[in-house]
Amino acid sequence: MILCETTGEMVSTEKHPSLRGKRILVVRPVDARGEPAGDTFLAIDTVDAGVGDRVLVNHEGHAAIELLGLDDPPIRSLIVSVVDTVEVGGEIAYRKNDAP
């Protein structure tokens, strides 16, 4: 699992048939305090996340096979949780209600 922040939504006129009706978001890995920690990539939204939300992303193909019920999904990253709070060393590093 990778902690990420959603930065946008991907819109397309044509999608692979297995992705029709599925929302795809642009996500960026972040550290526990929200600092960028990698390059952006695309992930299927399975939890109705919003742009700007902190999310957990499962970034490996087997979960996509299991959760989407597809034999060979064309994408390997799934948003599986919206994060409410991140605690580091006993201190709150992020709380959704406090986010700008």
PDB file of N, CA and C in Angstrom:
ATOM      1  N   MET A   1       0.846  -1.184   0.000  1.00  0.00           N
ATOM      2  CA  MET A   1       0.000   0.000   0.000  1.00  0.00           C
ATOM      3  C   MET A   1       0.889   1.244   0.000  1.00  0.00           C
ATOM      4  N   ILE A   2       0.405   2.252  -0.691  1.00  0.00           N
ATOM      5  CA  ILE A   2       1.134   3.512  -0.795  1.00  0.00           C
ATOM      6  C   ILE A   2       0.206   4.634  -0.337  1.00  0.00           C
ATOM      7  N   LEU A   3       0.718   5.505   0.529  1.00  0.00           N
ATOM      8  CA  LEU A   3      -0.030   6.688   0.929  1.00  0.00           C
ATOM      9  C   LEU A   3       0.107   7.716  -0.189  1.00  0.00           C
ATOM     10  N   CYS A   4      -1.027   8.221  -0.664  1.00  0.00           N
ATOM     11  CA  CYS A   4      -1.028   9.164  -1.789  1.00  0.00           C
ATOM     12  C   CYS A   4      -2.010  10.295  -1.531  1.00  0.00           C
ATOM     13  N   GLU A   5      -1.900  11.320  -2.346  1.00  0.00           N
ATOM     14  CA  GLU A   5      -2.877  12.401  -2.384  1.00  0.00           C
ATOM     15  C   GLU A   5      -3.441  12.445  -3.804  1.00  0.00           C
ATOM     16  N   THR A   6      -4.753  12.579  -3.917  1.00  0.00           N
ATOM     17  CA  THR A   6      -5.351  12.680  -5.242  1.00  0.00           C
ATOM     18  C   THR A   6      -5.140  14.099  -5.747  1.00  0.00           C
ATOM     19  N   THR A   7      -4.713  14.213  -7.011  1.00  0.00           N
ATOM     20  CA  THR A   7      -4.406  15.539  -7.556  1.00  0.00           C
ATOM     21  C   THR A   7      -5.287  15.916  -8.733  1.00  0.00           C
ATOM     22  N   GLY A   8      -6.054  14.969  -9.250  1.00  0.00           N
ATOM     23  CA  GLY A   8      -6.912  15.277 -10.380  1.00  0.00           C
ATOM     24  C   GLY A   8      -7.676  14.058 -10.841  1.00  0.00           C
ATOM     25  N   GLU A   9      -8.512  14.272 -11.837  1.00  0.00           N
ATOM     26  CA  GLU A   9      -9.311  13.198 -12.400  1.00  0.00           C
ATOM     27  C   GLU A   9      -8.932  13.023 -13.861  1.00  0.00           C
ATOM     28  N   MET A  10      -8.829  11.782 -14.311  1.00  0.00           N
ATOM     29  CA  MET A  10      -8.518  11.493 -15.692  1.00  0.00           C
ATOM     30  C   MET A  10      -9.833  11.346 -16.451  1.00  0.00           C
ATOM     31  N   VAL A  11      -9.965  12.084 -17.541  1.00  0.00           N
ATOM     32  CA  VAL A  11     -11.162  12.022 -18.370  1.00  0.00           C
ATOM     33  C   VAL A  11     -10.739  11.553 -19.753  1.00  0.00           C
ATOM     34  N   SER A  12     -11.505  10.597 -20.294  1.00  0.00           N
ATOM     35  CA  SER A  12     -11.182  10.115 -21.633  1.00  0.00           C
ATOM     36  C   SER A  12     -12.461   9.825 -22.404  1.00  0.00           C
ATOM     37  N   THR A  13     -12.381   9.950 -23.714  1.00  0.00           N
ATOM     38  CA  THR A  13     -13.546   9.653 -24.543  1.00  0.00           C
ATOM     39  C   THR A  13     -13.662   8.157 -24.798  1.00  0.00           C
ATOM     40  N   GLU A  14     -12.551   7.461 -24.751  1.00  0.00           N
ATOM     41  CA  GLU A  14     -12.536   6.015 -24.949  1.00  0.00           C
ATOM     42  C   GLU A  14     -11.742   5.374 -23.831  1.00  0.00           C
ATOM     43  N   LYS A  15     -12.260   4.256 -23.317  1.00  0.00           N
ATOM     44  CA  LYS A  15     -11.553   3.497 -22.288  1.00  0.00           C
ATOM     45  C   LYS A  15     -11.547   2.027 -22.681  1.00  0.00           C
ATOM     46  N   HIS A  16     -10.613   1.306 -22.116  1.00  0.00           N
ATOM     47  CA  HIS A  16     -10.627  -0.145 -22.256  1.00  0.00           C
ATOM     48  C   HIS A  16     -11.994  -0.624 -21.770  1.00  0.00           C
ATOM     49  N   PRO A  17     -12.607  -1.585 -22.429  1.00  0.00           N
ATOM     50  CA  PRO A  17     -13.955  -2.022 -22.042  1.00  0.00           C
ATOM     51  C   PRO A  17     -14.105  -2.358 -20.561  1.00  0.00           C
ATOM     52  N   SER A  18     -13.066  -2.901 -19.943  1.00  0.00           N
ATOM     53  CA  SER A  18     -13.158  -3.268 -18.526  1.00  0.00           C
ATOM     54  C   SER A  18     -13.140  -2.054 -17.597  1.00  0.00           C
ATOM     55  N   LEU A  19     -12.799  -0.880 -18.129  1.00  0.00           N
ATOM     56  CA  LEU A  19     -12.738   0.330 -17.300  1.00  0.00           C
ATOM     57  C   LEU A  19     -13.943   1.245 -17.485  1.00  0.00           C
ATOM     58  N   ARG A  20     -14.839   0.887 -18.384  1.00  0.00           N
ATOM     59  CA  ARG A  20     -16.022   1.719 -18.596  1.00  0.00           C
ATOM     60  C   ARG A  20     -16.833   1.792 -17.304  1.00  0.00           C
ATOM     61  N   GLY A  21     -17.227   3.011 -16.962  1.00  0.00           N
ATOM     62  CA  GLY A  21     -18.003   3.220 -15.748  1.00  0.00           C
ATOM     63  C   GLY A  21     -17.157   3.339 -14.496  1.00  0.00           C
ATOM     64  N   LYS A  22     -15.851   3.213 -14.629  1.00  0.00           N
ATOM     65  CA  LYS A  22     -14.963   3.336 -13.470  1.00  0.00           C
ATOM     66  C   LYS A  22     -14.267   4.696 -13.512  1.00  0.00           C
ATOM     67  N   ARG A  23     -14.158   5.298 -12.357  1.00  0.00           N
ATOM     68  CA  ARG A  23     -13.517   6.609 -12.231  1.00  0.00           C
ATOM     69  C   ARG A  23     -12.020   6.404 -12.020  1.00  0.00           C
ATOM     70  N   ILE A  24     -11.228   7.158 -12.768  1.00  0.00           N
ATOM     71  CA  ILE A  24      -9.776   7.062 -12.648  1.00  0.00           C
ATOM     72  C   ILE A  24      -9.240   8.400 -12.177  1.00  0.00           C
ATOM     73  N   LEU A  25      -8.459   8.361 -11.096  1.00  0.00           N
ATOM     74  CA  LEU A  25      -7.882   9.576 -10.523  1.00  0.00           C
ATOM     75  C   LEU A  25      -6.373   9.599 -10.688  1.00  0.00           C
ATOM     76  N   VAL A  26      -5.826  10.799 -10.724  1.00  0.00           N
ATOM     77  CA  VAL A  26      -4.385  11.007 -10.717  1.00  0.00           C
ATOM     78  C   VAL A  26      -3.973  11.086  -9.250  1.00  0.00           C
ATOM     79  N   VAL A  27      -2.972  10.285  -8.862  1.00  0.00           N
ATOM     80  CA  VAL A  27      -2.512  10.275  -7.471  1.00  0.00           C
ATOM     81  C   VAL A  27      -1.008  10.517  -7.428  1.00  0.00           C
ATOM     82  N   ARG A  28      -0.570  11.095  -6.310  1.00  0.00           N
ATOM     83  CA  ARG A  28       0.861  11.355  -6.097  1.00  0.00           C
ATOM     84  C   ARG A  28       1.250  10.771  -4.743  1.00  0.00           C
ATOM     85  N   PRO A  29       2.268   9.902  -4.695  1.00  0.00           N
ATOM     86  CA  PRO A  29       2.722   9.390  -3.410  1.00  0.00           C
ATOM     87  C   PRO A  29       3.183  10.534  -2.502  1.00  0.00           C
ATOM     88  N   VAL A  30       2.856  10.432  -1.212  1.00  0.00           N
ATOM     89  CA  VAL A  30       3.283  11.417  -0.215  1.00  0.00           C
ATOM     90  C   VAL A  30       3.806  10.682   1.005  1.00  0.00           C
ATOM     91  N   ASP A  31       4.623  11.383   1.801  1.00  0.00           N
ATOM     92  CA  ASP A  31       5.052  10.805   3.072  1.00  0.00           C
ATOM     93  C   ASP A  31       3.960  11.060   4.115  1.00  0.00           C
ATOM     94  N   ALA A  32       4.191  10.641   5.340  1.00  0.00           N
ATOM     95  CA  ALA A  32       3.179  10.755   6.393  1.00  0.00           C
ATOM     96  C   ALA A  32       2.751  12.194   6.655  1.00  0.00           C
ATOM     97  N   ARG A  33       3.625  13.147   6.370  1.00  0.00           N
ATOM     98  CA  ARG A  33       3.298  14.552   6.611  1.00  0.00           C
ATOM     99  C   ARG A  33       2.759  15.253   5.362  1.00  0.00           C
ATOM    100  N   GLY A  34       2.617  14.498   4.251  1.00  0.00           N
ATOM    101  CA  GLY A  34       2.027  15.061   3.044  1.00  0.00           C
ATOM    102  C   GLY A  34       3.013  15.612   2.042  1.00  0.00           C
ATOM    103  N   GLU A  35       4.306  15.434   2.285  1.00  0.00           N
ATOM    104  CA  GLU A  35       5.322  15.904   1.337  1.00  0.00           C
ATOM    105  C   GLU A  35       5.416  14.933   0.165  1.00  0.00           C
ATOM    106  N   PRO A  36       5.561  15.442  -1.063  1.00  0.00           N
ATOM    107  CA  PRO A  36       5.666  14.557  -2.224  1.00  0.00           C
ATOM    108  C   PRO A  36       6.761  13.510  -2.045  1.00  0.00           C
ATOM    109  N   ALA A  37       6.445  12.272  -2.463  1.00  0.00           N
ATOM    110  CA  ALA A  37       7.389  11.172  -2.285  1.00  0.00           C
ATOM    111  C   ALA A  37       7.483  10.301  -3.539  1.00  0.00           C
ATOM    112  N   GLY A  38       7.182  10.857  -4.690  1.00  0.00           N
ATOM    113  CA  GLY A  38       7.262  10.085  -5.926  1.00  0.00           C
ATOM    114  C   GLY A  38       6.478  10.752  -7.036  1.00  0.00           C
ATOM    115  N   ASP A  39       6.489  10.096  -8.174  1.00  0.00           N
ATOM    116  CA  ASP A  39       5.821  10.623  -9.364  1.00  0.00           C
ATOM    117  C   ASP A  39       4.345  10.259  -9.379  1.00  0.00           C
ATOM    118  N   THR A  40       3.554  11.077 -10.057  1.00  0.00           N
ATOM    119  CA  THR A  40       2.124  10.816 -10.163  1.00  0.00           C
ATOM    120  C   THR A  40       1.868   9.590 -11.039  1.00  0.00           C
ATOM    121  N   PHE A  41       0.724   8.949 -10.793  1.00  0.00           N
ATOM    122  CA  PHE A  41       0.285   7.826 -11.612  1.00  0.00           C
ATOM    123  C   PHE A  41      -1.233   7.750 -11.522  1.00  0.00           C
ATOM    124  N   LEU A  42      -1.836   6.856 -12.295  1.00  0.00           N
ATOM    125  CA  LEU A  42      -3.287   6.721 -12.331  1.00  0.00           C
ATOM    126  C   LEU A  42      -3.739   5.550 -11.466  1.00  0.00           C
ATOM    127  N   ALA A  43      -4.907   5.714 -10.837  1.00  0.00           N
ATOM    128  CA  ALA A  43      -5.474   4.646 -10.012  1.00  0.00           C
ATOM    129  C   ALA A  43      -6.991   4.660 -10.146  1.00  0.00           C
ATOM    130  N   ILE A  44      -7.587   3.477 -10.155  1.00  0.00           N
ATOM    131  CA  ILE A  44      -9.043   3.361 -10.181  1.00  0.00           C
ATOM    132  C   ILE A  44      -9.569   3.676  -8.792  1.00  0.00           C
ATOM    133  N   ASP A  45     -10.568   4.540  -8.742  1.00  0.00           N
ATOM    134  CA  ASP A  45     -11.192   4.935  -7.479  1.00  0.00           C
ATOM    135  C   ASP A  45     -12.285   3.929  -7.121  1.00  0.00           C
ATOM    136  N   THR A  46     -12.071   3.164  -6.049  1.00  0.00           N
ATOM    137  CA  THR A  46     -13.079   2.191  -5.609  1.00  0.00           C
ATOM    138  C   THR A  46     -13.832   2.662  -4.375  1.00  0.00           C
ATOM    139  N   VAL A  47     -13.514   3.872  -3.873  1.00  0.00           N
ATOM    140  CA  VAL A  47     -14.098   4.329  -2.596  1.00  0.00           C
ATOM    141  C   VAL A  47     -14.710   5.726  -2.671  1.00  0.00           C
ATOM    142  N   ASP A  48     -14.881   6.271  -3.873  1.00  0.00           N
ATOM    143  CA  ASP A  48     -15.454   7.600  -4.057  1.00  0.00           C
ATOM    144  C   ASP A  48     -14.608   8.695  -3.401  1.00  0.00           C
ATOM    145  N   ALA A  49     -13.312   8.647  -3.651  1.00  0.00           N
ATOM    146  CA  ALA A  49     -12.398   9.673  -3.142  1.00  0.00           C
ATOM    147  C   ALA A  49     -12.598  10.959  -3.928  1.00  0.00           C
ATOM    148  N   GLY A  50     -12.205  12.062  -3.327  1.00  0.00           N
ATOM    149  CA  GLY A  50     -12.279  13.347  -3.997  1.00  0.00           C
ATOM    150  C   GLY A  50     -10.893  13.885  -4.276  1.00  0.00           C
ATOM    151  N   VAL A  51     -10.809  14.834  -5.193  1.00  0.00           N
ATOM    152  CA  VAL A  51      -9.526  15.461  -5.481  1.00  0.00           C
ATOM    153  C   VAL A  51      -9.065  16.191  -4.224  1.00  0.00           C
ATOM    154  N   GLY A  52      -7.817  15.969  -3.842  1.00  0.00           N
ATOM    155  CA  GLY A  52      -7.256  16.557  -2.636  1.00  0.00           C
ATOM    156  C   GLY A  52      -7.282  15.627  -1.439  1.00  0.00           C
ATOM    157  N   ASP A  53      -7.979  14.499  -1.541  1.00  0.00           N
ATOM    158  CA  ASP A  53      -8.030  13.537  -0.440  1.00  0.00           C
ATOM    159  C   ASP A  53      -6.707  12.800  -0.305  1.00  0.00           C
ATOM    160  N   ARG A  54      -6.376  12.432   0.914  1.00  0.00           N
ATOM    161  CA  ARG A  54      -5.270  11.524   1.190  1.00  0.00           C
ATOM    162  C   ARG A  54      -5.871  10.120   1.116  1.00  0.00           C
ATOM    163  N   VAL A  55      -5.224   9.225   0.379  1.00  0.00           N
ATOM    164  CA  VAL A  55      -5.779   7.898   0.133  1.00  0.00           C
ATOM    165  C   VAL A  55      -4.699   6.822   0.260  1.00  0.00           C
ATOM    166  N   LEU A  56      -5.148   5.575   0.448  1.00  0.00           N
ATOM    167  CA  LEU A  56      -4.257   4.427   0.362  1.00  0.00           C
ATOM    168  C   LEU A  56      -4.474   3.791  -0.999  1.00  0.00           C
ATOM    169  N   VAL A  57      -3.374   3.504  -1.676  1.00  0.00           N
ATOM    170  CA  VAL A  57      -3.435   2.903  -3.006  1.00  0.00           C
ATOM    171  C   VAL A  57      -2.746   1.549  -2.966  1.00  0.00           C
ATOM    172  N   ASN A  58      -3.460   0.530  -3.415  1.00  0.00           N
ATOM    173  CA  ASN A  58      -2.858  -0.779  -3.606  1.00  0.00           C
ATOM    174  C   ASN A  58      -2.263  -0.745  -5.004  1.00  0.00           C
ATOM    175  N   HIS A  59      -0.944  -0.902  -5.073  1.00  0.00           N
ATOM    176  CA  HIS A  59      -0.208  -0.669  -6.332  1.00  0.00           C
ATOM    177  C   HIS A  59       0.435  -1.961  -6.826  1.00  0.00           C
ATOM    178  N   GLU A  60      -0.391  -3.008  -6.961  1.00  0.00           N
ATOM    179  CA  GLU A  60       0.109  -4.257  -7.525  1.00  0.00           C
ATOM    180  C   GLU A  60      -1.042  -4.975  -8.214  1.00  0.00           C
ATOM    181  N   GLY A  61      -0.761  -5.708  -9.234  1.00  0.00           N
ATOM    182  CA  GLY A  61      -1.781  -6.242 -10.120  1.00  0.00           C
ATOM    183  C   GLY A  61      -2.735  -7.263  -9.537  1.00  0.00           C
ATOM    184  N   HIS A  62      -2.289  -8.087  -8.601  1.00  0.00           N
ATOM    185  CA  HIS A  62      -3.162  -9.150  -8.090  1.00  0.00           C
ATOM    186  C   HIS A  62      -4.410  -8.586  -7.415  1.00  0.00           C
ATOM    187  N   ALA A  63      -4.267  -7.502  -6.668  1.00  0.00           N
ATOM    188  CA  ALA A  63      -5.430  -6.891  -6.008  1.00  0.00           C
ATOM    189  C   ALA A  63      -6.431  -6.395  -7.042  1.00  0.00           C
ATOM    190  N   ALA A  64      -5.944  -5.853  -8.144  1.00  0.00           N
ATOM    191  CA  ALA A  64      -6.840  -5.386  -9.203  1.00  0.00           C
ATOM    192  C   ALA A  64      -7.618  -6.562  -9.784  1.00  0.00           C
ATOM    193  N   ILE A  65      -6.963  -7.684  -9.953  1.00  0.00           N
ATOM    194  CA  ILE A  65      -7.637  -8.886 -10.443  1.00  0.00           C
ATOM    195  C   ILE A  65      -8.744  -9.293  -9.479  1.00  0.00           C
ATOM    196  N   GLU A  66      -8.428  -9.335  -8.186  1.00  0.00           N
ATOM    197  CA  GLU A  66      -9.384  -9.765  -7.167  1.00  0.00           C
ATOM    198  C   GLU A  66     -10.529  -8.773  -6.985  1.00  0.00           C
ATOM    199  N   LEU A  67     -10.204  -7.501  -6.801  1.00  0.00           N
ATOM    200  CA  LEU A  67     -11.227  -6.510  -6.486  1.00  0.00           C
ATOM    201  C   LEU A  67     -12.104  -6.138  -7.682  1.00  0.00           C
ATOM    202  N   LEU A  68     -11.539  -6.156  -8.876  1.00  0.00           N
ATOM    203  CA  LEU A  68     -12.315  -5.795 -10.059  1.00  0.00           C
ATOM    204  C   LEU A  68     -12.959  -7.007 -10.728  1.00  0.00           C
ATOM    205  N   GLY A  69     -12.524  -8.207 -10.334  1.00  0.00           N
ATOM    206  CA  GLY A  69     -13.081  -9.416 -10.926  1.00  0.00           C
ATOM    207  C   GLY A  69     -12.690  -9.593 -12.383  1.00  0.00           C
ATOM    208  N   LEU A  70     -11.512  -9.116 -12.748  1.00  0.00           N
ATOM    209  CA  LEU A  70     -11.037  -9.218 -14.127  1.00  0.00           C
ATOM    210  C   LEU A  70      -9.839 -10.153 -14.197  1.00  0.00           C
ATOM    211  N   ASP A  71      -9.719 -10.898 -15.291  1.00  0.00           N
ATOM    212  CA  ASP A  71      -8.588 -11.810 -15.453  1.00  0.00           C
ATOM    213  C   ASP A  71      -7.291 -11.073 -15.749  1.00  0.00           C
ATOM    214  N   ASP A  72      -7.381 -10.013 -16.538  1.00  0.00           N
ATOM    215  CA  ASP A  72      -6.181  -9.290 -16.956  1.00  0.00           C
ATOM    216  C   ASP A  72      -6.478  -7.792 -17.020  1.00  0.00           C
ATOM    217  N   PRO A  73      -6.602  -7.134 -15.851  1.00  0.00           N
ATOM    218  CA  PRO A  73      -6.965  -5.710 -15.862  1.00  0.00           C
ATOM    219  C   PRO A  73      -5.860  -4.864 -16.510  1.00  0.00           C
ATOM    220  N   PRO A  74      -6.249  -3.805 -17.231  1.00  0.00           N
ATOM    221  CA  PRO A  74      -5.267  -2.951 -17.896  1.00  0.00           C
ATOM    222  C   PRO A  74      -4.624  -1.932 -16.955  1.00  0.00           C
ATOM    223  N   ILE A  75      -4.953  -1.987 -15.678  1.00  0.00           N
ATOM    224  CA  ILE A  75      -4.383  -1.056 -14.693  1.00  0.00           C
ATOM    225  C   ILE A  75      -4.131  -1.831 -13.415  1.00  0.00           C
ATOM    226  N   ARG A  76      -3.092  -1.468 -12.681  1.00  0.00           N
ATOM    227  CA  ARG A  76      -2.726  -2.237 -11.499  1.00  0.00           C
ATOM    228  C   ARG A  76      -2.919  -1.485 -10.190  1.00  0.00           C
ATOM    229  N   SER A  77      -3.336  -0.245 -10.233  1.00  0.00           N
ATOM    230  CA  SER A  77      -3.425   0.576  -9.029  1.00  0.00           C
ATOM    231  C   SER A  77      -4.875   0.889  -8.685  1.00  0.00           C
ATOM    232  N   LEU A  78      -5.242   0.617  -7.426  1.00  0.00           N
ATOM    233  CA  LEU A  78      -6.603   0.848  -6.957  1.00  0.00           C
ATOM    234  C   LEU A  78      -6.576   1.692  -5.694  1.00  0.00           C
ATOM    235  N   ILE A  79      -7.418   2.721  -5.643  1.00  0.00           N
ATOM    236  CA  ILE A  79      -7.615   3.473  -4.407  1.00  0.00           C
ATOM    237  C   ILE A  79      -8.552   2.633  -3.553  1.00  0.00           C
ATOM    238  N   VAL A  80      -8.081   2.216  -2.376  1.00  0.00           N
ATOM    239  CA  VAL A  80      -8.858   1.301  -1.549  1.00  0.00           C
ATOM    240  C   VAL A  80      -9.326   1.915  -0.234  1.00  0.00           C
ATOM    241  N   SER A  81      -8.873   3.136   0.074  1.00  0.00           N
ATOM    242  CA  SER A  81      -9.283   3.758   1.331  1.00  0.00           C
ATOM    243  C   SER A  81      -9.034   5.262   1.285  1.00  0.00           C
ATOM    244  N   VAL A  82      -9.950   6.020   1.885  1.00  0.00           N
ATOM    245  CA  VAL A  82      -9.722   7.443   2.122  1.00  0.00           C
ATOM    246  C   VAL A  82      -9.206   7.561   3.549  1.00  0.00           C
ATOM    247  N   VAL A  83      -8.087   8.243   3.726  1.00  0.00           N
ATOM    248  CA  VAL A  83      -7.421   8.342   5.031  1.00  0.00           C
ATOM    249  C   VAL A  83      -8.009   9.496   5.822  1.00  0.00           C
ATOM    250  N   ASP A  84      -8.394   9.219   7.055  1.00  0.00           N
ATOM    251  CA  ASP A  84      -8.910  10.260   7.942  1.00  0.00           C
ATOM    252  C   ASP A  84      -7.809  10.875   8.793  1.00  0.00           C
ATOM    253  N   THR A  85      -6.895  10.039   9.287  1.00  0.00           N
ATOM    254  CA  THR A  85      -5.846  10.514  10.190  1.00  0.00           C
ATOM    255  C   THR A  85      -4.568   9.723   9.959  1.00  0.00           C
ATOM    256  N   VAL A  86      -3.415  10.413  10.035  1.00  0.00           N
ATOM    257  CA  VAL A  86      -2.108   9.761  10.031  1.00  0.00           C
ATOM    258  C   VAL A  86      -1.413  10.181  11.314  1.00  0.00           C
ATOM    259  N   GLU A  87      -0.958   9.191  12.073  1.00  0.00           N
ATOM    260  CA  GLU A  87      -0.256   9.451  13.328  1.00  0.00           C
ATOM    261  C   GLU A  87       1.183   8.973  13.189  1.00  0.00           C
ATOM    262  N   VAL A  88       2.134   9.823  13.581  1.00  0.00           N
ATOM    263  CA  VAL A  88       3.554   9.486  13.508  1.00  0.00           C
ATOM    264  C   VAL A  88       4.173   9.752  14.873  1.00  0.00           C
ATOM    265  N   GLY A  89       4.729   8.727  15.486  1.00  0.00           N
ATOM    266  CA  GLY A  89       5.389   8.888  16.781  1.00  0.00           C
ATOM    267  C   GLY A  89       4.476   9.457  17.851  1.00  0.00           C
ATOM    268  N   GLY A  90       3.211   9.086  17.816  1.00  0.00           N
ATOM    269  CA  GLY A  90       2.263   9.551  18.818  1.00  0.00           C
ATOM    270  C   GLY A  90       1.673  10.926  18.538  1.00  0.00           C
ATOM    271  N   GLU A  91       2.086  11.560  17.444  1.00  0.00           N
ATOM    272  CA  GLU A  91       1.547  12.872  17.092  1.00  0.00           C
ATOM    273  C   GLU A  91       0.771  12.798  15.785  1.00  0.00           C
ATOM    274  N   ILE A  92      -0.292  13.577  15.691  1.00  0.00           N
ATOM    275  CA  ILE A  92      -1.093  13.610  14.479  1.00  0.00           C
ATOM    276  C   ILE A  92      -0.328  14.376  13.394  1.00  0.00           C
ATOM    277  N   ALA A  93      -0.004  13.685  12.301  1.00  0.00           N
ATOM    278  CA  ALA A  93       0.692  14.310  11.177  1.00  0.00           C
ATOM    279  C   ALA A  93      -0.300  14.833  10.147  1.00  0.00           C
ATOM    280  N   TYR A  94      -1.489  14.230  10.128  1.00  0.00           N
ATOM    281  CA  TYR A  94      -2.527  14.635   9.171  1.00  0.00           C
ATOM    282  C   TYR A  94      -3.883  14.262   9.751  1.00  0.00           C
ATOM    283  N   ARG A  95      -4.822  15.160   9.628  1.00  0.00           N
ATOM    284  CA  ARG A  95      -6.218  14.896   9.985  1.00  0.00           C
ATOM    285  C   ARG A  95      -7.063  15.497   8.889  1.00  0.00           C
ATOM    286  N   LYS A  96      -7.918  14.677   8.289  1.00  0.00           N
ATOM    287  CA  LYS A  96      -8.705  15.113   7.131  1.00  0.00           C
ATOM    288  C   LYS A  96      -9.465  16.396   7.397  1.00  0.00           C
ATOM    289  N   ASN A  97     -10.089  16.532   8.543  1.00  0.00           N
ATOM    290  CA  ASN A  97     -10.891  17.732   8.843  1.00  0.00           C
ATOM    291  C   ASN A  97     -10.035  18.984   8.975  1.00  0.00           C
ATOM    292  N   ASP A  98      -8.727  18.823   9.232  1.00  0.00           N
ATOM    293  CA  ASP A  98      -7.832  19.976   9.365  1.00  0.00           C
ATOM    294  C   ASP A  98      -7.202  20.384   8.044  1.00  0.00           C
ATOM    295  N   ALA A  99      -7.362  19.535   7.004  1.00  0.00           N
ATOM    296  CA  ALA A  99      -6.724  19.822   5.714  1.00  0.00           C
ATOM    297  C   ALA A  99      -7.346  21.066   5.076  1.00  0.00           C
ATOM    298  N   PRO A 100      -6.515  21.848   4.365  1.00  0.00           N
ATOM    299  CA  PRO A 100      -7.040  23.060   3.715  1.00  0.00           C
ATOM    300  C   PRO A 100      -8.051  22.762   2.640  1.00  0.00           C
TER     301      PRO A 100
END
